[in-house]
Each structure stands twice: as structure tokens, then as C-alpha cells.
Amino acid sequence: MRLNRIIWFMIMIAAGIALGLYYAWIVNPVRFIDATFYDLRQDYKADYVLMAAEIYQENPVLFQTMIRIDRLMENSAEEAVANAISNAEKLGYSENDLDLLYNLNDAIGGRSEETAEPEDIFIEYNVPEINNDILASPAAPVIENPTVVPDNPFEQGGENG
């Protein structure tokens, strides 16, 4: 009697697997819809940017990294990295991971957390020396009487017309 139960148990397990596969593959198969990186949740986006930052650390090619980050379809790569940093801080990422994100943020030119005051910004202008001889010479010929028009062969009433 015991052997009979084990055999029927195995037959029912095999029948259940076979019916499940038939239903999943034939009756109601999965329909794949084109999803984009934009559809990811914010924590997965932060993970994706972290992966891009890890790749950038190993192979610092900024162009390829920007292409990877642009797949998230944010307004800009800077915004995507800034969002990833804020989400990573909220989710408690390790200091190593946060450092990678901050390094990537610095590499792409994102805003740093410290805001510069207007008096801290110094712009140095390099003005070339002006040659006074160039300024003394006129750029265009000077016409003493602008009302007198020189002879123009294309005017009506001239020799040709």
C-alpha cells in the first residue's frame, strides 16, 4: 500500500508540473512589453547609477558613462546622479558607494553640496594688449560727401540702358 501511494504521489507531481508548463507556455504565455529604464523605481535607478559609477571607476570614459546614465531618461545626467545620491543617502548605502556616486557627480559636473557665495567666485579675464596702430587706421574708407554716388554702370539711363 505504501509503495502505491508514493507512485501516485510522483505521478501527480509530474502531472502538476506538466499542466503548469502547458498553461504557462501555451494557454497564457507571458507578454513582454517594452519597458525602459525610466520605468524603474527610484531605488533601482539609484542602484543603476551606482553600477555606472563603479564602471566609471574601473574604466574612466566619461562619454560611455553619460550614455549609460542617459538611459534613465531624466532631464539631465546631473539630475539623475543627484537623485541617485539623495536616494542612496535615504536608503543607507555604504560610505564607499556614496563616495563613488559623489566622484561620478564631480566628474560629470554636477552641483556639489556646498554652494558658493558670490564673493567666493573670482573670474579672471585675460584681455590682450591693444595695438594702437590698429585702432588708428580706419576700418572703412571715409566718404566725405555721402550724397554723391559714384558712377554705376548698372543704373538706368547709363550707357547700357
C-alpha atoms as a PDB file:
ATOM      1  CA  MET A   1       0.000   0.000   0.000  1.00  0.00           C
ATOM      2  CA  ARG A   2       2.828   2.411   0.871  1.00  0.00           C
ATOM      3  CA  LEU A   3       4.577   1.917  -2.478  1.00  0.00           C
ATOM      4  CA  ASN A   4       1.299   2.570  -4.275  1.00  0.00           C
ATOM      5  CA  ARG A   5       0.951   5.960  -2.509  1.00  0.00           C
ATOM      6  CA  ILE A   6       4.496   7.032  -3.421  1.00  0.00           C
ATOM      7  CA  ILE A   7       3.932   6.134  -7.092  1.00  0.00           C
ATOM      8  CA  TRP A   8       0.653   8.069  -7.263  1.00  0.00           C
ATOM      9  CA  PHE A   9       2.303  10.988  -5.458  1.00  0.00           C
ATOM     10  CA  MET A  10       5.077  11.128  -8.074  1.00  0.00           C
ATOM     11  CA  ILE A  11       2.538  10.825 -10.921  1.00  0.00           C
ATOM     12  CA  MET A  12       0.508  13.739  -9.532  1.00  0.00           C
ATOM     13  CA  ILE A  13       3.631  15.894  -9.084  1.00  0.00           C
ATOM     14  CA  ALA A  14       4.622  15.191 -12.716  1.00  0.00           C
ATOM     15  CA  ALA A  15       1.070  15.888 -13.910  1.00  0.00           C
ATOM     16  CA  GLY A  16       1.018  19.191 -11.955  1.00  0.00           C
ATOM     17  CA  ILE A  17       4.304  20.293 -13.474  1.00  0.00           C
ATOM     18  CA  ALA A  18       3.139  19.294 -16.952  1.00  0.00           C
ATOM     19  CA  LEU A  19      -0.189  21.138 -16.602  1.00  0.00           C
ATOM     20  CA  GLY A  20       1.582  24.209 -15.167  1.00  0.00           C
ATOM     21  CA  LEU A  21       4.034  24.325 -18.060  1.00  0.00           C
ATOM     22  CA  TYR A  22       1.242  23.814 -20.606  1.00  0.00           C
ATOM     23  CA  TYR A  23      -0.761  26.679 -19.105  1.00  0.00           C
ATOM     24  CA  ALA A  24       2.259  28.999 -18.831  1.00  0.00           C
ATOM     25  CA  TRP A  25       3.674  28.290 -22.291  1.00  0.00           C
ATOM     26  CA  ILE A  26       0.594  27.583 -24.429  1.00  0.00           C
ATOM     27  CA  VAL A  27      -2.600  28.895 -22.831  1.00  0.00           C
ATOM     28  CA  ASN A  28      -1.407  32.123 -21.186  1.00  0.00           C
ATOM     29  CA  PRO A  29       2.222  32.887 -22.069  1.00  0.00           C
ATOM     30  CA  VAL A  30       3.970  35.967 -20.717  1.00  0.00           C
ATOM     31  CA  ARG A  31       3.634  39.002 -22.950  1.00  0.00           C
ATOM     32  CA  PHE A  32       6.724  41.110 -22.849  1.00  0.00           C
ATOM     33  CA  ILE A  33       6.142  44.848 -23.094  1.00  0.00           C
ATOM     34  CA  ASP A  34       8.970  47.176 -23.977  1.00  0.00           C
ATOM     35  CA  ALA A  35       9.869  48.751 -20.685  1.00  0.00           C
ATOM     36  CA  THR A  36      12.500  51.439 -20.346  1.00  0.00           C
ATOM     37  CA  PHE A  37      14.897  52.398 -17.614  1.00  0.00           C
ATOM     38  CA  TYR A  38      12.564  55.321 -16.939  1.00  0.00           C
ATOM     39  CA  ASP A  39      10.006  52.834 -15.591  1.00  0.00           C
ATOM     40  CA  LEU A  40      12.331  51.684 -12.807  1.00  0.00           C
ATOM     41  CA  ARG A  41      11.581  52.523  -9.191  1.00  0.00           C
ATOM     42  CA  GLN A  42      13.774  55.172  -7.602  1.00  0.00           C
ATOM     43  CA  ASP A  43      15.791  52.666  -5.567  1.00  0.00           C
ATOM     44  CA  TYR A  44      16.570  50.649  -8.701  1.00  0.00           C
ATOM     45  CA  LYS A  45      17.558  53.834 -10.512  1.00  0.00           C
ATOM     46  CA  ALA A  46      19.954  54.600  -7.664  1.00  0.00           C
ATOM     47  CA  ASP A  47      21.383  51.075  -7.993  1.00  0.00           C
ATOM     48  CA  TYR A  48      21.770  51.547 -11.744  1.00  0.00           C
ATOM     49  CA  VAL A  49      23.619  54.864 -11.311  1.00  0.00           C
ATOM     50  CA  LEU A  50      25.806  53.207  -8.663  1.00  0.00           C
ATOM     51  CA  MET A  51      26.671  50.453 -11.143  1.00  0.00           C
ATOM     52  CA  ALA A  52      27.535  53.107 -13.734  1.00  0.00           C
ATOM     53  CA  ALA A  53      29.732  54.818 -11.121  1.00  0.00           C
ATOM     54  CA  GLU A  54      31.518  51.531 -10.389  1.00  0.00           C
ATOM     55  CA  ILE A  55      32.142  51.002 -14.092  1.00  0.00           C
ATOM     56  CA  TYR A  56      33.388  54.593 -14.367  1.00  0.00           C
ATOM     57  CA  GLN A  57      35.832  53.990 -11.510  1.00  0.00           C
ATOM     58  CA  GLU A  58      37.300  50.961 -13.297  1.00  0.00           C
ATOM     59  CA  ASN A  59      37.203  52.465 -16.800  1.00  0.00           C
ATOM     60  CA  PRO A  60      37.020  56.289 -16.620  1.00  0.00           C
ATOM     61  CA  VAL A  61      35.457  57.011 -20.004  1.00  0.00           C
ATOM     62  CA  LEU A  62      33.023  59.805 -19.264  1.00  0.00           C
ATOM     63  CA  PHE A  63      31.217  59.631 -22.611  1.00  0.00           C
ATOM     64  CA  GLN A  64      30.196  55.991 -22.124  1.00  0.00           C
ATOM     65  CA  THR A  65      29.143  56.708 -18.559  1.00  0.00           C
ATOM     66  CA  MET A  66      26.967  59.615 -19.679  1.00  0.00           C
ATOM     67  CA  ILE A  67      25.305  57.352 -22.264  1.00  0.00           C
ATOM     68  CA  ARG A  68      24.597  54.777 -19.555  1.00  0.00           C
ATOM     69  CA  ILE A  69      23.072  57.403 -17.274  1.00  0.00           C
ATOM     70  CA  ASP A  70      21.058  58.988 -20.093  1.00  0.00           C
ATOM     71  CA  ARG A  71      19.182  55.692 -20.442  1.00  0.00           C
ATOM     72  CA  LEU A  72      17.294  56.679 -17.287  1.00  0.00           C
ATOM     73  CA  MET A  73      15.639  59.440 -19.340  1.00  0.00           C
ATOM     74  CA  GLU A  74      15.971  62.095 -16.629  1.00  0.00           C
ATOM     75  CA  ASN A  75      16.180  65.759 -17.583  1.00  0.00           C
ATOM     76  CA  SER A  76      19.968  65.574 -17.408  1.00  0.00           C
ATOM     77  CA  ALA A  77      22.681  63.226 -16.245  1.00  0.00           C
ATOM     78  CA  GLU A  78      23.487  65.638 -13.431  1.00  0.00           C
ATOM     79  CA  GLU A  79      19.902  65.390 -12.186  1.00  0.00           C
ATOM     80  CA  ALA A  80      19.927  61.592 -12.410  1.00  0.00           C
ATOM     81  CA  VAL A  81      23.100  61.371 -10.327  1.00  0.00           C
ATOM     82  CA  ALA A  82      21.792  63.933  -7.815  1.00  0.00           C
ATOM     83  CA  ASN A  83      18.573  61.921  -7.433  1.00  0.00           C
ATOM     84  CA  ALA A  84      20.588  58.746  -7.014  1.00  0.00           C
ATOM     85  CA  ILE A  85      22.719  60.373  -4.307  1.00  0.00           C
ATOM     86  CA  SER A  86      19.697  61.581  -2.359  1.00  0.00           C
ATOM     87  CA  ASN A  87      18.015  58.161  -2.650  1.00  0.00           C
ATOM     88  CA  ALA A  88      21.225  56.376  -1.678  1.00  0.00           C
ATOM     89  CA  GLU A  89      21.531  58.530   1.436  1.00  0.00           C
ATOM     90  CA  LYS A  90      17.899  57.806   2.358  1.00  0.00           C
ATOM     91  CA  LEU A  91      18.351  54.070   1.798  1.00  0.00           C
ATOM     92  CA  GLY A  92      21.555  53.908   3.839  1.00  0.00           C
ATOM     93  CA  TYR A  93      24.107  52.990   1.191  1.00  0.00           C
ATOM     94  CA  SER A  94      27.649  52.410   2.440  1.00  0.00           C
ATOM     95  CA  GLU A  95      30.204  55.216   2.531  1.00  0.00           C
ATOM     96  CA  ASN A  96      32.115  53.505  -0.286  1.00  0.00           C
ATOM     97  CA  ASP A  97      29.067  53.570  -2.535  1.00  0.00           C
ATOM     98  CA  LEU A  98      28.297  57.186  -1.663  1.00  0.00           C
ATOM     99  CA  ASP A  99      31.897  58.143  -2.444  1.00  0.00           C
ATOM    100  CA  LEU A 100      31.573  56.502  -5.865  1.00  0.00           C
ATOM    101  CA  LEU A 101      28.383  58.466  -6.537  1.00  0.00           C
ATOM    102  CA  TYR A 102      29.967  61.740  -5.391  1.00  0.00           C
ATOM    103  CA  ASN A 103      33.034  61.091  -7.579  1.00  0.00           C
ATOM    104  CA  LEU A 104      30.770  60.480 -10.556  1.00  0.00           C
ATOM    105  CA  ASN A 105      28.837  63.637  -9.720  1.00  0.00           C
ATOM    106  CA  ASP A 106      32.079  65.638  -9.709  1.00  0.00           C
ATOM    107  CA  ALA A 107      33.179  64.045 -12.986  1.00  0.00           C
ATOM    108  CA  ILE A 108      30.018  64.968 -14.871  1.00  0.00           C
ATOM    109  CA  GLY A 109      29.988  68.480 -13.457  1.00  0.00           C
ATOM    110  CA  GLY A 110      27.029  68.151 -11.149  1.00  0.00           C
ATOM    111  CA  ARG A 111      26.383  70.596  -8.363  1.00  0.00           C
ATOM    112  CA  SER A 112      28.282  69.962  -5.208  1.00  0.00           C
ATOM    113  CA  GLU A 113      26.542  70.111  -1.874  1.00  0.00           C
ATOM    114  CA  GLU A 114      28.413  73.270  -0.953  1.00  0.00           C
ATOM    115  CA  THR A 115      27.035  76.355  -2.615  1.00  0.00           C
ATOM    116  CA  ALA A 116      29.481  79.090  -3.442  1.00  0.00           C
ATOM    117  CA  GLU A 117      28.761  82.587  -2.249  1.00  0.00           C
ATOM    118  CA  PRO A 118      29.003  85.373  -4.842  1.00  0.00           C
ATOM    119  CA  GLU A 119      32.029  86.872  -3.088  1.00  0.00           C
ATOM    120  CA  ASP A 120      33.819  83.498  -3.289  1.00  0.00           C
ATOM    121  CA  ILE A 121      33.653  83.422  -7.060  1.00  0.00           C
ATOM    122  CA  PHE A 122      36.552  85.120  -8.819  1.00  0.00           C
ATOM    123  CA  ILE A 123      36.687  85.318 -12.576  1.00  0.00           C
ATOM    124  CA  GLU A 124      39.916  86.453 -14.140  1.00  0.00           C
ATOM    125  CA  TYR A 125      39.716  87.992 -17.554  1.00  0.00           C
ATOM    126  CA  ASN A 126      42.738  87.848 -19.807  1.00  0.00           C
ATOM    127  CA  VAL A 127      42.474  90.915 -22.001  1.00  0.00           C
ATOM    128  CA  PRO A 128      45.009  91.056 -24.825  1.00  0.00           C
ATOM    129  CA  GLU A 129      47.020  94.213 -25.184  1.00  0.00           C
ATOM    130  CA  ILE A 130      45.592  96.622 -27.708  1.00  0.00           C
ATOM    131  CA  ASN A 131      47.796  97.758 -30.542  1.00  0.00           C
ATOM    132  CA  ASN A 132      47.187 101.474 -31.027  1.00  0.00           C
ATOM    133  CA  ASP A 133      48.293 101.329 -34.682  1.00  0.00           C
ATOM    134  CA  ILE A 134      45.330  99.053 -35.482  1.00  0.00           C
ATOM    135  CA  LEU A 135      42.893 101.415 -33.807  1.00  0.00           C
ATOM    136  CA  ALA A 136      44.304 104.461 -35.620  1.00  0.00           C
ATOM    137  CA  SER A 137      43.717 103.062 -39.098  1.00  0.00           C
ATOM    138  CA  PRO A 138      40.120 103.374 -40.281  1.00  0.00           C
ATOM    139  CA  ALA A 139      38.203 100.157 -40.837  1.00  0.00           C
ATOM    140  CA  ALA A 140      36.262 101.529 -43.822  1.00  0.00           C
ATOM    141  CA  PRO A 141      37.037 104.269 -46.307  1.00  0.00           C
ATOM    142  CA  VAL A 142      35.689 107.623 -45.306  1.00  0.00           C
ATOM    143  CA  ILE A 143      33.256 109.197 -47.785  1.00  0.00           C
ATOM    144  CA  GLU A 144      33.381 112.944 -47.482  1.00  0.00           C
ATOM    145  CA  ASN A 145      30.066 113.665 -49.235  1.00  0.00           C
ATOM    146  CA  PRO A 146      27.680 110.706 -48.837  1.00  0.00           C
ATOM    147  CA  THR A 147      25.062 112.240 -51.149  1.00  0.00           C
ATOM    148  CA  VAL A 148      27.272 111.947 -54.242  1.00  0.00           C
ATOM    149  CA  VAL A 149      27.079 108.447 -55.670  1.00  0.00           C
ATOM    150  CA  PRO A 150      29.965 107.293 -57.846  1.00  0.00           C
ATOM    151  CA  ASP A 151      29.264 106.278 -61.440  1.00  0.00           C
ATOM    152  CA  ASN A 152      27.462 102.964 -61.552  1.00  0.00           C
ATOM    153  CA  PRO A 153      27.165 101.206 -64.912  1.00  0.00           C
ATOM    154  CA  PHE A 154      24.098  99.322 -63.677  1.00  0.00           C
ATOM    155  CA  GLU A 155      21.981 102.415 -63.152  1.00  0.00           C
ATOM    156  CA  GLN A 156      19.180 103.062 -65.599  1.00  0.00           C
ATOM    157  CA  GLY A 157      19.860 105.788 -68.074  1.00  0.00           C
ATOM    158  CA  GLY A 158      23.563 104.966 -68.205  1.00  0.00           C
ATOM    159  CA  GLU A 159      25.499 103.852 -71.231  1.00  0.00           C
ATOM    160  CA  ASN A 160      23.960 100.359 -71.351  1.00  0.00           C
ATOM    161  CA  GLY A 161      20.447 101.136 -70.738  1.00  0.00           C
END
